[in-house]
């Protein structure tokens, strides 16, 4: 099973990806995570990417695609994987298509989480992250048991700069400019399913799971 989760910040892609992973043991791949691991590994490719990150520049697509290709050819990806927020641009999508063709792989489904601006602001501005273990909470929907403290490790919870309203607006603008064109790209390939991300998590997940069942990716697995 190979699926792609698309949507602006706050659409809940990461939460949905983790929920799928809890039911189907395939890895969730977010480019930010694998880029950091590549840099930490000290590999030639990681060192090249690091030079851009250190200088504050965007890592070129050719490096990102190679890092992604290396990751999806690892043994834990044999039965599939979930892309969380990748590809980000049309150029990346086209490059990924070439990688899949070379590896004889196909995308089973792309899910686009369509969400209103108001919901994005409400969700992200209430998000808090643990400074110690990285656990994520939401003051409205998933609050910690103790104010400002992580349930898992007791670390301090903070609001990231990325989750402040002015920064959120900029992130949405970048998303609309770079990533929105991917919607029509995958629609033309007849592999896109739109989901209203203003809905509750369970409603969003139910639509996704039913669609995977309809196309035969998930077999004999009824959750409700």
N, C-alpha and C. Protein backbone atom coordinates (compact mmCIF):
# COMPACT_ATOMS: atom_id res chain seq x y z
N UNK A 1 0.85 -1.20 0.00
CA UNK A 1 0.00 0.00 0.00
C UNK A 1 0.88 1.24 0.00
N UNK A 2 0.70 2.07 -1.01
CA UNK A 2 1.44 3.33 -1.09
C UNK A 2 0.41 4.46 -1.19
N UNK A 3 0.38 5.31 -0.19
CA UNK A 3 -0.57 6.42 -0.21
C UNK A 3 0.15 7.72 0.12
N UNK A 4 -0.43 8.82 -0.37
CA UNK A 4 0.10 10.15 -0.15
C UNK A 4 -0.98 10.98 0.55
N UNK A 5 -0.58 11.68 1.60
CA UNK A 5 -1.50 12.56 2.32
C UNK A 5 -1.11 14.00 2.04
N UNK A 6 -2.03 14.74 1.43
CA UNK A 6 -1.79 16.14 1.09
C UNK A 6 -2.76 17.03 1.87
N UNK A 7 -2.35 18.25 2.10
CA UNK A 7 -3.21 19.21 2.78
C UNK A 7 -2.37 20.27 3.46
N UNK A 8 -2.96 21.42 3.72
CA UNK A 8 -2.21 22.53 4.34
C UNK A 8 -1.87 22.22 5.79
N UNK A 9 -1.04 23.05 6.40
CA UNK A 9 -0.74 22.88 7.83
C UNK A 9 -2.03 22.88 8.64
N UNK A 10 -2.12 21.97 9.61
CA UNK A 10 -3.30 21.91 10.46
C UNK A 10 -4.40 20.99 9.96
N UNK A 11 -4.20 20.36 8.79
CA UNK A 11 -5.22 19.48 8.22
C UNK A 11 -5.26 18.13 8.92
N UNK A 12 -4.26 17.83 9.73
CA UNK A 12 -4.25 16.57 10.48
C UNK A 12 -3.60 15.41 9.78
N UNK A 13 -2.71 15.69 8.82
CA UNK A 13 -2.07 14.63 8.06
C UNK A 13 -1.26 13.69 8.96
N UNK A 14 -0.48 14.28 9.86
CA UNK A 14 0.37 13.47 10.73
C UNK A 14 -0.45 12.57 11.64
N UNK A 15 -1.54 13.08 12.18
CA UNK A 15 -2.40 12.29 13.07
C UNK A 15 -3.03 11.14 12.31
N UNK A 16 -3.52 11.43 11.10
CA UNK A 16 -4.13 10.39 10.27
C UNK A 16 -3.08 9.34 9.89
N UNK A 17 -1.89 9.78 9.53
CA UNK A 17 -0.82 8.86 9.15
C UNK A 17 -0.49 7.91 10.30
N UNK A 18 -0.41 8.44 11.51
CA UNK A 18 -0.11 7.61 12.67
C UNK A 18 -1.23 6.61 12.94
N UNK A 19 -2.46 7.02 12.69
CA UNK A 19 -3.62 6.13 12.92
C UNK A 19 -3.60 4.98 11.91
N UNK A 20 -3.26 5.28 10.66
CA UNK A 20 -3.14 4.22 9.65
C UNK A 20 -2.04 3.25 10.08
N UNK A 21 -0.90 3.83 10.49
CA UNK A 21 0.26 3.03 10.89
C UNK A 21 -0.06 2.10 12.06
N UNK A 22 -0.96 2.53 12.93
CA UNK A 22 -1.32 1.68 14.08
C UNK A 22 -2.13 0.46 13.66
N UNK A 23 -2.72 0.52 12.46
CA UNK A 23 -3.54 -0.58 11.96
C UNK A 23 -2.84 -1.37 10.86
N UNK A 24 -2.01 -0.68 10.09
CA UNK A 24 -1.26 -1.32 9.01
C UNK A 24 0.22 -1.00 9.24
N UNK A 25 1.03 -1.99 9.55
CA UNK A 25 2.43 -1.73 9.93
C UNK A 25 3.34 -1.36 8.76
N UNK A 26 3.08 -0.18 8.20
CA UNK A 26 3.97 0.35 7.17
C UNK A 26 4.45 1.72 7.64
N UNK A 27 5.67 2.11 7.27
CA UNK A 27 6.24 3.35 7.81
C UNK A 27 5.59 4.62 7.27
N UNK A 28 5.60 5.64 8.11
CA UNK A 28 5.17 6.98 7.73
C UNK A 28 6.43 7.76 7.37
N UNK A 29 6.44 8.32 6.18
CA UNK A 29 7.64 9.03 5.70
C UNK A 29 7.34 10.51 5.54
N UNK A 30 7.98 11.32 6.36
CA UNK A 30 7.90 12.77 6.26
C UNK A 30 9.28 13.26 5.87
N UNK A 31 9.37 14.07 4.83
CA UNK A 31 10.68 14.44 4.30
C UNK A 31 11.55 15.18 5.31
N UNK A 32 10.92 15.97 6.19
CA UNK A 32 11.71 16.66 7.20
C UNK A 32 12.46 15.68 8.08
N UNK A 33 11.79 14.59 8.46
CA UNK A 33 12.41 13.58 9.33
C UNK A 33 13.55 12.85 8.63
N UNK A 34 13.31 12.41 7.40
CA UNK A 34 14.36 11.65 6.72
C UNK A 34 15.52 12.55 6.29
N UNK A 35 15.23 13.83 6.07
CA UNK A 35 16.30 14.78 5.75
C UNK A 35 17.20 14.95 6.97
N UNK A 36 16.59 15.08 8.15
CA UNK A 36 17.38 15.22 9.38
C UNK A 36 18.23 13.97 9.62
N UNK A 37 17.65 12.79 9.38
CA UNK A 37 18.39 11.56 9.59
C UNK A 37 19.55 11.43 8.61
N UNK A 38 19.31 11.86 7.37
CA UNK A 38 20.38 11.81 6.36
C UNK A 38 21.54 12.71 6.76
N UNK A 39 21.22 13.88 7.28
CA UNK A 39 22.25 14.82 7.73
C UNK A 39 23.00 14.26 8.93
N UNK A 40 22.26 13.68 9.87
CA UNK A 40 22.87 13.11 11.08
C UNK A 40 23.76 11.91 10.75
N UNK A 41 23.43 11.20 9.67
CA UNK A 41 24.20 10.01 9.30
C UNK A 41 25.60 10.35 8.81
N UNK A 42 25.77 11.59 8.33
CA UNK A 42 27.08 12.00 7.82
C UNK A 42 27.39 11.45 6.44
N UNK A 43 26.38 10.92 5.74
CA UNK A 43 26.59 10.39 4.39
C UNK A 43 26.92 11.52 3.43
N UNK A 44 27.43 11.15 2.26
CA UNK A 44 27.77 12.16 1.26
C UNK A 44 26.55 13.00 0.92
N UNK A 45 25.42 12.32 0.72
CA UNK A 45 24.19 13.02 0.38
C UNK A 45 23.74 13.90 1.54
N UNK A 46 23.87 13.37 2.76
CA UNK A 46 23.50 14.13 3.94
C UNK A 46 24.35 15.38 4.11
N UNK A 47 25.63 15.26 3.82
CA UNK A 47 26.53 16.41 3.93
C UNK A 47 26.20 17.48 2.89
N UNK A 48 25.82 17.04 1.70
CA UNK A 48 25.43 18.00 0.66
C UNK A 48 24.17 18.75 1.07
N UNK A 49 23.21 18.00 1.61
CA UNK A 49 21.97 18.63 2.06
C UNK A 49 22.24 19.58 3.23
N UNK A 50 23.13 19.17 4.12
CA UNK A 50 23.45 19.98 5.30
C UNK A 50 24.00 21.35 4.91
N UNK A 51 24.79 21.39 3.85
CA UNK A 51 25.38 22.67 3.43
C UNK A 51 24.30 23.69 3.08
N UNK A 52 23.19 23.21 2.55
CA UNK A 52 22.08 24.11 2.21
C UNK A 52 21.31 24.51 3.47
N UNK A 53 21.06 23.54 4.34
CA UNK A 53 20.31 23.81 5.56
C UNK A 53 21.05 24.82 6.44
N UNK A 54 22.35 24.63 6.58
CA UNK A 54 23.16 25.52 7.42
C UNK A 54 23.14 26.94 6.89
N UNK A 55 23.13 27.08 5.57
CA UNK A 55 23.15 28.41 4.97
C UNK A 55 21.75 29.02 4.85
N UNK A 56 20.75 28.28 5.32
CA UNK A 56 19.38 28.80 5.31
C UNK A 56 18.69 28.68 3.96
N UNK A 57 19.24 27.88 3.06
CA UNK A 57 18.66 27.72 1.72
C UNK A 57 17.82 26.44 1.65
N UNK A 58 16.90 26.40 0.68
CA UNK A 58 16.11 25.19 0.46
C UNK A 58 17.00 24.11 -0.15
N UNK A 59 16.84 22.89 0.34
CA UNK A 59 17.59 21.77 -0.23
C UNK A 59 17.04 21.48 -1.62
N UNK A 60 17.88 21.42 -2.65
CA UNK A 60 17.40 21.19 -4.02
C UNK A 60 16.59 19.90 -4.15
N UNK A 61 15.63 19.91 -5.05
CA UNK A 61 14.76 18.74 -5.24
C UNK A 61 15.55 17.48 -5.55
N UNK A 62 16.65 17.62 -6.30
CA UNK A 62 17.40 16.42 -6.69
C UNK A 62 17.93 15.67 -5.46
N UNK A 63 18.30 16.41 -4.42
CA UNK A 63 18.78 15.78 -3.19
C UNK A 63 17.60 15.19 -2.40
N UNK A 64 16.52 15.94 -2.34
CA UNK A 64 15.34 15.46 -1.62
C UNK A 64 14.84 14.15 -2.24
N UNK A 65 14.73 14.12 -3.56
CA UNK A 65 14.23 12.94 -4.25
C UNK A 65 15.15 11.74 -4.02
N UNK A 66 16.46 11.97 -4.04
CA UNK A 66 17.40 10.86 -3.82
C UNK A 66 17.29 10.34 -2.40
N UNK A 67 17.14 11.24 -1.43
CA UNK A 67 16.97 10.83 -0.03
C UNK A 67 15.67 10.02 0.12
N UNK A 68 14.61 10.47 -0.55
CA UNK A 68 13.34 9.75 -0.51
C UNK A 68 13.49 8.37 -1.15
N UNK A 69 14.16 8.32 -2.30
CA UNK A 69 14.35 7.03 -2.98
C UNK A 69 15.13 6.06 -2.10
N UNK A 70 16.18 6.56 -1.46
CA UNK A 70 16.96 5.70 -0.57
C UNK A 70 16.08 5.15 0.56
N UNK A 71 15.19 6.01 1.07
CA UNK A 71 14.34 5.60 2.20
C UNK A 71 13.33 4.54 1.78
N UNK A 72 12.68 4.72 0.64
CA UNK A 72 11.61 3.79 0.26
C UNK A 72 12.14 2.46 -0.28
N UNK A 73 13.46 2.36 -0.45
CA UNK A 73 14.03 1.07 -0.86
C UNK A 73 14.57 0.29 0.34
N UNK A 74 14.36 0.83 1.54
CA UNK A 74 14.74 0.08 2.74
C UNK A 74 13.74 -1.04 2.99
N UNK A 75 14.18 -2.05 3.75
CA UNK A 75 13.39 -3.28 3.90
C UNK A 75 12.01 -3.07 4.52
N UNK A 76 11.88 -2.08 5.41
CA UNK A 76 10.58 -1.89 6.07
C UNK A 76 9.53 -1.28 5.16
N UNK A 77 9.95 -0.90 3.95
CA UNK A 77 9.01 -0.31 2.98
C UNK A 77 8.53 -1.32 1.94
N UNK A 78 8.91 -2.57 2.10
CA UNK A 78 8.56 -3.58 1.10
C UNK A 78 7.06 -3.73 0.91
N UNK A 79 6.29 -3.59 2.00
CA UNK A 79 4.84 -3.75 1.91
C UNK A 79 4.12 -2.41 1.73
N UNK A 80 4.88 -1.35 1.61
CA UNK A 80 4.27 -0.05 1.37
C UNK A 80 4.72 1.00 2.36
N UNK A 81 4.18 2.20 2.19
CA UNK A 81 4.54 3.32 3.05
C UNK A 81 3.54 4.45 2.84
N UNK A 82 3.60 5.40 3.75
CA UNK A 82 2.70 6.56 3.72
C UNK A 82 3.55 7.81 3.61
N UNK A 83 3.31 8.62 2.60
CA UNK A 83 3.98 9.92 2.50
C UNK A 83 3.14 10.97 3.22
N UNK A 84 3.72 11.60 4.20
CA UNK A 84 3.05 12.65 4.95
C UNK A 84 3.54 14.02 4.46
N UNK A 85 2.72 14.64 3.59
CA UNK A 85 3.07 15.97 3.10
C UNK A 85 4.13 16.00 2.02
N UNK A 86 4.33 14.91 1.34
CA UNK A 86 5.27 14.84 0.22
C UNK A 86 4.58 14.10 -0.93
N UNK A 87 4.76 14.56 -2.16
CA UNK A 87 5.56 15.70 -2.63
C UNK A 87 4.92 17.05 -2.30
N UNK A 88 5.73 18.10 -2.36
CA UNK A 88 5.26 19.44 -2.05
C UNK A 88 5.01 20.28 -3.30
N UNK A 89 5.63 19.89 -4.40
CA UNK A 89 5.51 20.67 -5.64
C UNK A 89 5.27 19.74 -6.83
N UNK A 90 4.86 20.34 -7.94
CA UNK A 90 4.67 19.56 -9.18
C UNK A 90 5.98 18.93 -9.62
N UNK A 91 7.07 19.66 -9.53
CA UNK A 91 8.38 19.11 -9.94
C UNK A 91 8.74 17.88 -9.11
N UNK A 92 8.48 17.95 -7.81
CA UNK A 92 8.75 16.79 -6.96
C UNK A 92 7.85 15.62 -7.33
N UNK A 93 6.59 15.91 -7.64
CA UNK A 93 5.64 14.85 -8.01
C UNK A 93 6.09 14.15 -9.29
N UNK A 94 6.52 14.91 -10.26
CA UNK A 94 6.98 14.33 -11.52
C UNK A 94 8.25 13.51 -11.32
N UNK A 95 9.15 14.02 -10.48
CA UNK A 95 10.38 13.28 -10.19
C UNK A 95 10.07 11.99 -9.44
N UNK A 96 9.09 12.06 -8.54
CA UNK A 96 8.68 10.87 -7.80
C UNK A 96 8.07 9.83 -8.73
N UNK A 97 7.30 10.28 -9.72
CA UNK A 97 6.73 9.35 -10.70
C UNK A 97 7.82 8.56 -11.41
N UNK A 98 8.91 9.23 -11.73
CA UNK A 98 10.03 8.57 -12.40
C UNK A 98 10.69 7.54 -11.49
N UNK A 99 10.81 7.89 -10.21
CA UNK A 99 11.37 6.95 -9.24
C UNK A 99 10.49 5.71 -9.14
N UNK A 100 9.17 5.92 -9.03
CA UNK A 100 8.24 4.80 -8.94
C UNK A 100 8.29 3.92 -10.19
N UNK A 101 8.41 4.56 -11.33
CA UNK A 101 8.48 3.80 -12.57
C UNK A 101 9.73 2.92 -12.59
N UNK A 102 10.82 3.50 -12.13
CA UNK A 102 12.09 2.76 -12.09
C UNK A 102 12.03 1.60 -11.09
N UNK A 103 11.31 1.80 -9.99
CA UNK A 103 11.21 0.77 -8.95
C UNK A 103 10.01 -0.15 -9.16
N UNK A 104 9.25 0.10 -10.23
CA UNK A 104 8.04 -0.69 -10.54
C UNK A 104 7.03 -0.63 -9.39
N UNK A 105 6.78 0.58 -8.92
CA UNK A 105 5.81 0.82 -7.86
C UNK A 105 4.73 1.77 -8.36
N UNK A 106 3.55 1.72 -7.71
CA UNK A 106 2.45 2.60 -8.09
C UNK A 106 1.83 3.22 -6.84
N UNK A 107 1.35 4.44 -6.99
CA UNK A 107 0.62 5.10 -5.92
C UNK A 107 -0.79 4.53 -5.90
N UNK A 108 -1.23 4.03 -4.77
CA UNK A 108 -2.58 3.48 -4.67
C UNK A 108 -3.63 4.58 -4.55
N UNK A 109 -3.35 5.59 -3.74
CA UNK A 109 -4.32 6.66 -3.56
C UNK A 109 -3.65 7.89 -2.94
N UNK A 110 -4.14 9.06 -3.36
CA UNK A 110 -3.71 10.33 -2.79
C UNK A 110 -4.92 10.92 -2.08
N UNK A 111 -4.76 11.29 -0.82
CA UNK A 111 -5.85 11.90 -0.06
C UNK A 111 -5.53 13.37 0.18
N UNK A 112 -6.46 14.21 -0.25
CA UNK A 112 -6.30 15.65 -0.04
C UNK A 112 -7.27 16.09 1.05
N UNK A 113 -6.72 16.63 2.13
CA UNK A 113 -7.52 17.09 3.25
C UNK A 113 -7.80 18.58 3.08
N UNK A 114 -9.03 18.85 2.68
CA UNK A 114 -9.46 20.23 2.42
C UNK A 114 -9.98 20.83 3.72
N UNK A 115 -9.45 21.98 4.10
CA UNK A 115 -9.75 22.54 5.41
C UNK A 115 -9.91 24.05 5.32
N UNK A 116 -10.82 24.61 6.09
CA UNK A 116 -11.05 26.06 6.06
C UNK A 116 -9.94 26.80 6.80
N UNK A 117 -9.75 28.04 6.42
CA UNK A 117 -8.72 28.87 7.05
C UNK A 117 -8.99 29.00 8.55
N UNK A 118 -10.25 29.19 8.92
CA UNK A 118 -10.60 29.36 10.33
C UNK A 118 -10.23 28.13 11.16
N UNK A 119 -10.47 26.94 10.61
CA UNK A 119 -10.15 25.71 11.33
C UNK A 119 -8.64 25.56 11.49
N UNK A 120 -7.89 25.91 10.45
CA UNK A 120 -6.43 25.85 10.53
C UNK A 120 -5.92 26.70 11.68
N UNK A 121 -6.40 27.94 11.75
CA UNK A 121 -5.96 28.86 12.80
C UNK A 121 -6.33 28.30 14.17
N UNK A 122 -7.55 27.81 14.31
CA UNK A 122 -8.01 27.29 15.60
C UNK A 122 -7.17 26.09 16.05
N UNK A 123 -6.86 25.21 15.11
CA UNK A 123 -6.10 24.01 15.47
C UNK A 123 -4.64 24.32 15.78
N UNK A 124 -3.99 25.05 14.90
CA UNK A 124 -2.56 25.26 15.08
C UNK A 124 -2.23 26.23 16.21
N UNK A 125 -3.04 27.24 16.40
CA UNK A 125 -2.74 28.20 17.46
C UNK A 125 -2.91 27.57 18.84
N UNK A 126 -3.66 26.46 18.90
CA UNK A 126 -3.86 25.76 20.18
C UNK A 126 -2.89 24.59 20.35
N UNK A 127 -1.99 24.40 19.39
CA UNK A 127 -1.08 23.27 19.46
C UNK A 127 0.10 23.58 20.37
N UNK A 128 0.52 22.57 21.15
CA UNK A 128 1.67 22.70 22.03
C UNK A 128 2.57 21.48 21.84
N UNK A 129 3.87 21.70 21.92
CA UNK A 129 4.85 20.64 21.67
C UNK A 129 5.77 20.49 22.87
N UNK A 130 6.06 19.24 23.23
CA UNK A 130 6.96 18.97 24.35
C UNK A 130 8.40 19.26 23.94
N UNK A 131 9.09 20.04 24.77
CA UNK A 131 10.49 20.39 24.47
C UNK A 131 11.43 19.22 24.68
N UNK A 132 10.96 18.18 25.39
CA UNK A 132 11.84 17.06 25.71
C UNK A 132 11.67 15.89 24.74
N UNK A 133 10.42 15.44 24.54
CA UNK A 133 10.21 14.23 23.72
C UNK A 133 9.52 14.51 22.39
N UNK A 134 9.03 15.74 22.18
CA UNK A 134 8.42 16.09 20.91
C UNK A 134 6.95 15.74 20.78
N UNK A 135 6.33 15.22 21.85
CA UNK A 135 4.90 14.88 21.81
C UNK A 135 4.08 16.14 21.54
N UNK A 136 2.97 15.96 20.80
CA UNK A 136 2.14 17.10 20.39
C UNK A 136 0.77 17.03 21.06
N UNK A 137 0.31 18.17 21.56
CA UNK A 137 -1.00 18.27 22.19
C UNK A 137 -1.77 19.42 21.56
N UNK A 138 -3.07 19.42 21.78
CA UNK A 138 -3.90 20.54 21.36
C UNK A 138 -4.76 20.96 22.55
N UNK A 139 -4.67 22.21 22.92
CA UNK A 139 -5.36 22.69 24.12
C UNK A 139 -6.87 22.53 24.02
N UNK A 140 -7.41 22.49 22.79
CA UNK A 140 -8.85 22.36 22.60
C UNK A 140 -9.29 20.92 22.43
N UNK A 141 -8.53 20.15 21.65
CA UNK A 141 -9.00 18.81 21.28
C UNK A 141 -8.28 17.68 22.02
N UNK A 142 -7.04 17.91 22.42
CA UNK A 142 -6.26 16.87 23.08
C UNK A 142 -5.34 17.51 24.12
N UNK A 143 -5.91 18.09 25.17
CA UNK A 143 -5.11 18.83 26.15
C UNK A 143 -4.29 17.90 27.04
N UNK A 144 -3.18 18.39 27.57
CA UNK A 144 -2.39 17.58 28.52
C UNK A 144 -3.14 17.45 29.84
N UNK A 145 -2.79 16.44 30.62
CA UNK A 145 -3.45 16.23 31.91
C UNK A 145 -3.13 17.37 32.88
N UNK A 146 -1.88 17.85 32.80
CA UNK A 146 -1.45 18.97 33.63
C UNK A 146 -1.04 20.13 32.72
N UNK A 147 -1.46 21.32 33.06
CA UNK A 147 -1.19 22.48 32.22
C UNK A 147 0.31 22.64 31.95
N UNK A 148 0.65 22.77 30.67
CA UNK A 148 2.02 23.05 30.23
C UNK A 148 3.01 21.92 30.48
N UNK A 149 2.52 20.71 30.83
CA UNK A 149 3.42 19.58 31.07
C UNK A 149 3.02 18.38 30.24
N UNK A 150 4.02 17.71 29.68
CA UNK A 150 3.79 16.54 28.83
C UNK A 150 3.33 15.34 29.65
N UNK A 151 2.30 14.64 29.18
CA UNK A 151 1.81 13.44 29.85
C UNK A 151 2.85 12.32 29.84
N UNK A 152 3.65 12.27 28.77
CA UNK A 152 4.57 11.15 28.58
C UNK A 152 5.85 11.26 29.39
N UNK A 153 6.44 12.47 29.40
CA UNK A 153 7.76 12.59 30.04
C UNK A 153 7.84 13.72 31.06
N UNK A 154 6.78 14.51 31.18
CA UNK A 154 6.80 15.61 32.14
C UNK A 154 7.53 16.84 31.66
N UNK A 155 7.93 16.81 30.37
CA UNK A 155 8.64 17.96 29.80
C UNK A 155 7.73 19.18 29.64
N UNK A 156 8.35 20.33 29.45
CA UNK A 156 7.59 21.57 29.30
C UNK A 156 6.98 21.66 27.91
N UNK A 157 5.73 22.12 27.84
CA UNK A 157 5.05 22.30 26.56
C UNK A 157 5.16 23.75 26.12
N UNK A 158 5.46 23.95 24.85
CA UNK A 158 5.58 25.31 24.31
C UNK A 158 4.79 25.44 23.02
N UNK A 159 4.52 26.67 22.64
CA UNK A 159 3.93 26.95 21.34
C UNK A 159 5.07 27.28 20.38
N UNK A 160 5.20 26.52 19.31
CA UNK A 160 6.25 26.78 18.34
C UNK A 160 5.96 28.08 17.59
N UNK A 161 7.03 28.70 17.12
CA UNK A 161 6.87 29.91 16.32
C UNK A 161 6.01 29.62 15.10
N UNK A 162 6.17 28.41 14.54
CA UNK A 162 5.40 27.98 13.36
C UNK A 162 3.89 28.00 13.62
N UNK A 163 3.49 27.91 14.90
CA UNK A 163 2.08 27.80 15.23
C UNK A 163 1.47 29.12 15.71
N UNK A 164 2.21 30.20 15.58
CA UNK A 164 1.67 31.51 15.89
C UNK A 164 0.95 32.05 14.66
N UNK A 165 -0.12 32.81 14.87
CA UNK A 165 -1.05 33.13 13.78
C UNK A 165 -0.37 33.78 12.59
N UNK A 166 0.51 34.73 12.82
CA UNK A 166 1.14 35.43 11.69
C UNK A 166 1.98 34.46 10.85
N UNK A 167 2.68 33.54 11.53
CA UNK A 167 3.49 32.56 10.82
C UNK A 167 2.59 31.57 10.08
N UNK A 168 1.48 31.20 10.71
CA UNK A 168 0.54 30.27 10.07
C UNK A 168 0.06 30.84 8.74
N UNK A 169 -0.27 32.13 8.73
CA UNK A 169 -0.74 32.78 7.49
C UNK A 169 0.30 32.66 6.39
N UNK A 170 1.56 32.86 6.74
CA UNK A 170 2.64 32.76 5.75
C UNK A 170 2.78 31.33 5.24
N UNK A 171 2.66 30.37 6.16
CA UNK A 171 2.76 28.96 5.77
C UNK A 171 1.64 28.57 4.81
N UNK A 172 0.46 29.09 5.05
CA UNK A 172 -0.68 28.79 4.18
C UNK A 172 -0.46 29.40 2.80
N UNK A 173 0.07 30.62 2.76
CA UNK A 173 0.36 31.27 1.48
C UNK A 173 1.35 30.45 0.66
N UNK A 174 2.40 29.96 1.33
CA UNK A 174 3.40 29.13 0.64
C UNK A 174 2.77 27.84 0.14
N UNK A 175 1.92 27.25 0.98
CA UNK A 175 1.24 26.01 0.59
C UNK A 175 0.38 26.23 -0.65
N UNK A 176 -0.41 27.29 -0.63
CA UNK A 176 -1.32 27.56 -1.75
C UNK A 176 -0.55 27.79 -3.05
N UNK A 177 0.59 28.42 -2.93
CA UNK A 177 1.38 28.72 -4.13
C UNK A 177 2.09 27.47 -4.67
N UNK A 178 2.67 26.68 -3.78
CA UNK A 178 3.52 25.57 -4.21
C UNK A 178 2.77 24.23 -4.32
N UNK A 179 1.89 23.96 -3.38
CA UNK A 179 1.35 22.61 -3.25
C UNK A 179 -0.05 22.44 -3.81
N UNK A 180 -0.86 23.47 -3.78
CA UNK A 180 -2.23 23.34 -4.30
C UNK A 180 -2.31 22.78 -5.72
N UNK A 181 -1.38 23.15 -6.62
CA UNK A 181 -1.44 22.59 -7.99
C UNK A 181 -1.37 21.07 -8.04
N UNK A 182 -0.88 20.44 -6.96
CA UNK A 182 -0.81 18.97 -6.94
C UNK A 182 -2.19 18.34 -6.96
N UNK A 183 -3.20 19.07 -6.50
CA UNK A 183 -4.56 18.53 -6.44
C UNK A 183 -5.03 18.16 -7.84
N UNK A 184 -4.92 19.10 -8.77
CA UNK A 184 -5.36 18.82 -10.14
C UNK A 184 -4.43 17.81 -10.82
N UNK A 185 -3.16 17.81 -10.45
CA UNK A 185 -2.20 16.86 -11.02
C UNK A 185 -2.63 15.42 -10.73
N UNK A 186 -2.99 15.16 -9.48
CA UNK A 186 -3.39 13.79 -9.11
C UNK A 186 -4.84 13.50 -9.47
N UNK A 187 -5.66 14.55 -9.59
CA UNK A 187 -7.03 14.34 -10.08
C UNK A 187 -7.01 13.80 -11.50
N UNK A 188 -6.13 14.33 -12.31
CA UNK A 188 -6.04 13.89 -13.70
C UNK A 188 -5.57 12.43 -13.80
N UNK A 189 -4.88 11.96 -12.74
CA UNK A 189 -4.42 10.57 -12.71
C UNK A 189 -5.48 9.64 -12.11
N UNK A 190 -6.62 10.24 -11.70
CA UNK A 190 -7.74 9.48 -11.12
C UNK A 190 -7.36 8.69 -9.86
N UNK A 191 -6.49 9.30 -9.04
CA UNK A 191 -6.11 8.62 -7.80
C UNK A 191 -6.29 9.54 -6.59
N UNK A 192 -7.04 10.63 -6.76
CA UNK A 192 -7.21 11.59 -5.67
C UNK A 192 -8.58 11.47 -5.02
N UNK A 193 -8.59 11.46 -3.69
CA UNK A 193 -9.82 11.50 -2.92
C UNK A 193 -9.76 12.73 -2.01
N UNK A 194 -10.79 13.58 -2.11
CA UNK A 194 -10.86 14.76 -1.25
C UNK A 194 -11.63 14.43 0.02
N UNK A 195 -11.11 14.94 1.14
CA UNK A 195 -11.77 14.74 2.43
C UNK A 195 -11.92 16.09 3.12
N UNK A 196 -13.11 16.36 3.61
CA UNK A 196 -13.36 17.60 4.35
C UNK A 196 -12.68 17.50 5.71
N UNK A 197 -11.57 18.22 5.88
CA UNK A 197 -10.78 18.13 7.10
C UNK A 197 -11.31 19.00 8.23
N UNK A 198 -12.44 19.69 7.99
CA UNK A 198 -13.09 20.41 9.09
C UNK A 198 -13.83 19.43 10.01
N UNK A 199 -14.02 18.20 9.53
CA UNK A 199 -14.71 17.18 10.31
C UNK A 199 -13.84 16.66 11.46
N UNK A 200 -14.47 15.95 12.38
CA UNK A 200 -13.74 15.31 13.46
C UNK A 200 -12.81 14.25 12.89
N UNK A 201 -11.79 13.90 13.68
CA UNK A 201 -10.80 12.93 13.25
C UNK A 201 -11.42 11.61 12.82
N UNK A 202 -12.35 11.09 13.61
CA UNK A 202 -12.95 9.80 13.30
C UNK A 202 -13.70 9.83 11.98
N UNK A 203 -14.38 10.94 11.69
CA UNK A 203 -15.11 11.07 10.43
C UNK A 203 -14.15 11.11 9.25
N UNK A 204 -13.05 11.84 9.42
CA UNK A 204 -12.04 11.91 8.36
C UNK A 204 -11.44 10.54 8.09
N UNK A 205 -11.11 9.86 9.18
CA UNK A 205 -10.46 8.56 9.03
C UNK A 205 -11.41 7.52 8.42
N UNK A 206 -12.66 7.60 8.78
CA UNK A 206 -13.64 6.66 8.24
C UNK A 206 -13.72 6.77 6.72
N UNK A 207 -13.75 8.00 6.20
CA UNK A 207 -13.80 8.21 4.75
C UNK A 207 -12.56 7.62 4.09
N UNK A 208 -11.41 7.88 4.68
CA UNK A 208 -10.14 7.37 4.13
C UNK A 208 -10.13 5.85 4.13
N UNK A 209 -10.47 5.26 5.26
CA UNK A 209 -10.41 3.80 5.38
C UNK A 209 -11.40 3.12 4.42
N UNK A 210 -12.59 3.68 4.30
CA UNK A 210 -13.58 3.11 3.39
C UNK A 210 -13.11 3.19 1.94
N UNK A 211 -12.45 4.29 1.60
CA UNK A 211 -11.93 4.42 0.23
C UNK A 211 -10.84 3.39 -0.04
N UNK A 212 -9.95 3.17 0.92
CA UNK A 212 -8.91 2.16 0.74
C UNK A 212 -9.52 0.77 0.61
N UNK A 213 -10.63 0.55 1.29
CA UNK A 213 -11.33 -0.73 1.18
C UNK A 213 -11.99 -0.86 -0.19
N UNK A 214 -12.59 0.23 -0.67
CA UNK A 214 -13.26 0.23 -1.97
C UNK A 214 -12.31 -0.12 -3.10
N UNK A 215 -11.08 0.39 -3.05
CA UNK A 215 -10.14 0.17 -4.15
C UNK A 215 -9.32 -1.12 -3.94
N UNK A 216 -9.62 -1.82 -2.86
CA UNK A 216 -9.00 -3.13 -2.64
C UNK A 216 -7.64 -3.12 -1.97
N UNK A 217 -7.21 -1.95 -1.49
CA UNK A 217 -5.92 -1.88 -0.81
C UNK A 217 -6.02 -2.50 0.58
N UNK A 218 -7.15 -2.24 1.25
CA UNK A 218 -7.45 -2.87 2.54
C UNK A 218 -8.48 -3.96 2.28
N UNK A 219 -8.20 -5.15 2.75
CA UNK A 219 -9.09 -6.28 2.49
C UNK A 219 -9.61 -6.86 3.81
N UNK A 220 -10.90 -7.15 3.82
CA UNK A 220 -11.54 -7.82 4.95
C UNK A 220 -11.23 -7.14 6.29
N UNK A 221 -11.33 -5.82 6.29
CA UNK A 221 -11.01 -5.11 7.53
C UNK A 221 -12.08 -4.05 7.78
N UNK A 222 -13.08 -4.40 8.56
CA UNK A 222 -14.15 -3.47 8.92
C UNK A 222 -13.91 -2.94 10.33
N UNK A 223 -13.88 -1.61 10.44
CA UNK A 223 -13.63 -1.02 11.74
C UNK A 223 -14.91 -0.55 12.40
N UNK A 224 -16.05 -0.56 11.65
CA UNK A 224 -17.31 -0.11 12.22
C UNK A 224 -18.46 -0.83 11.52
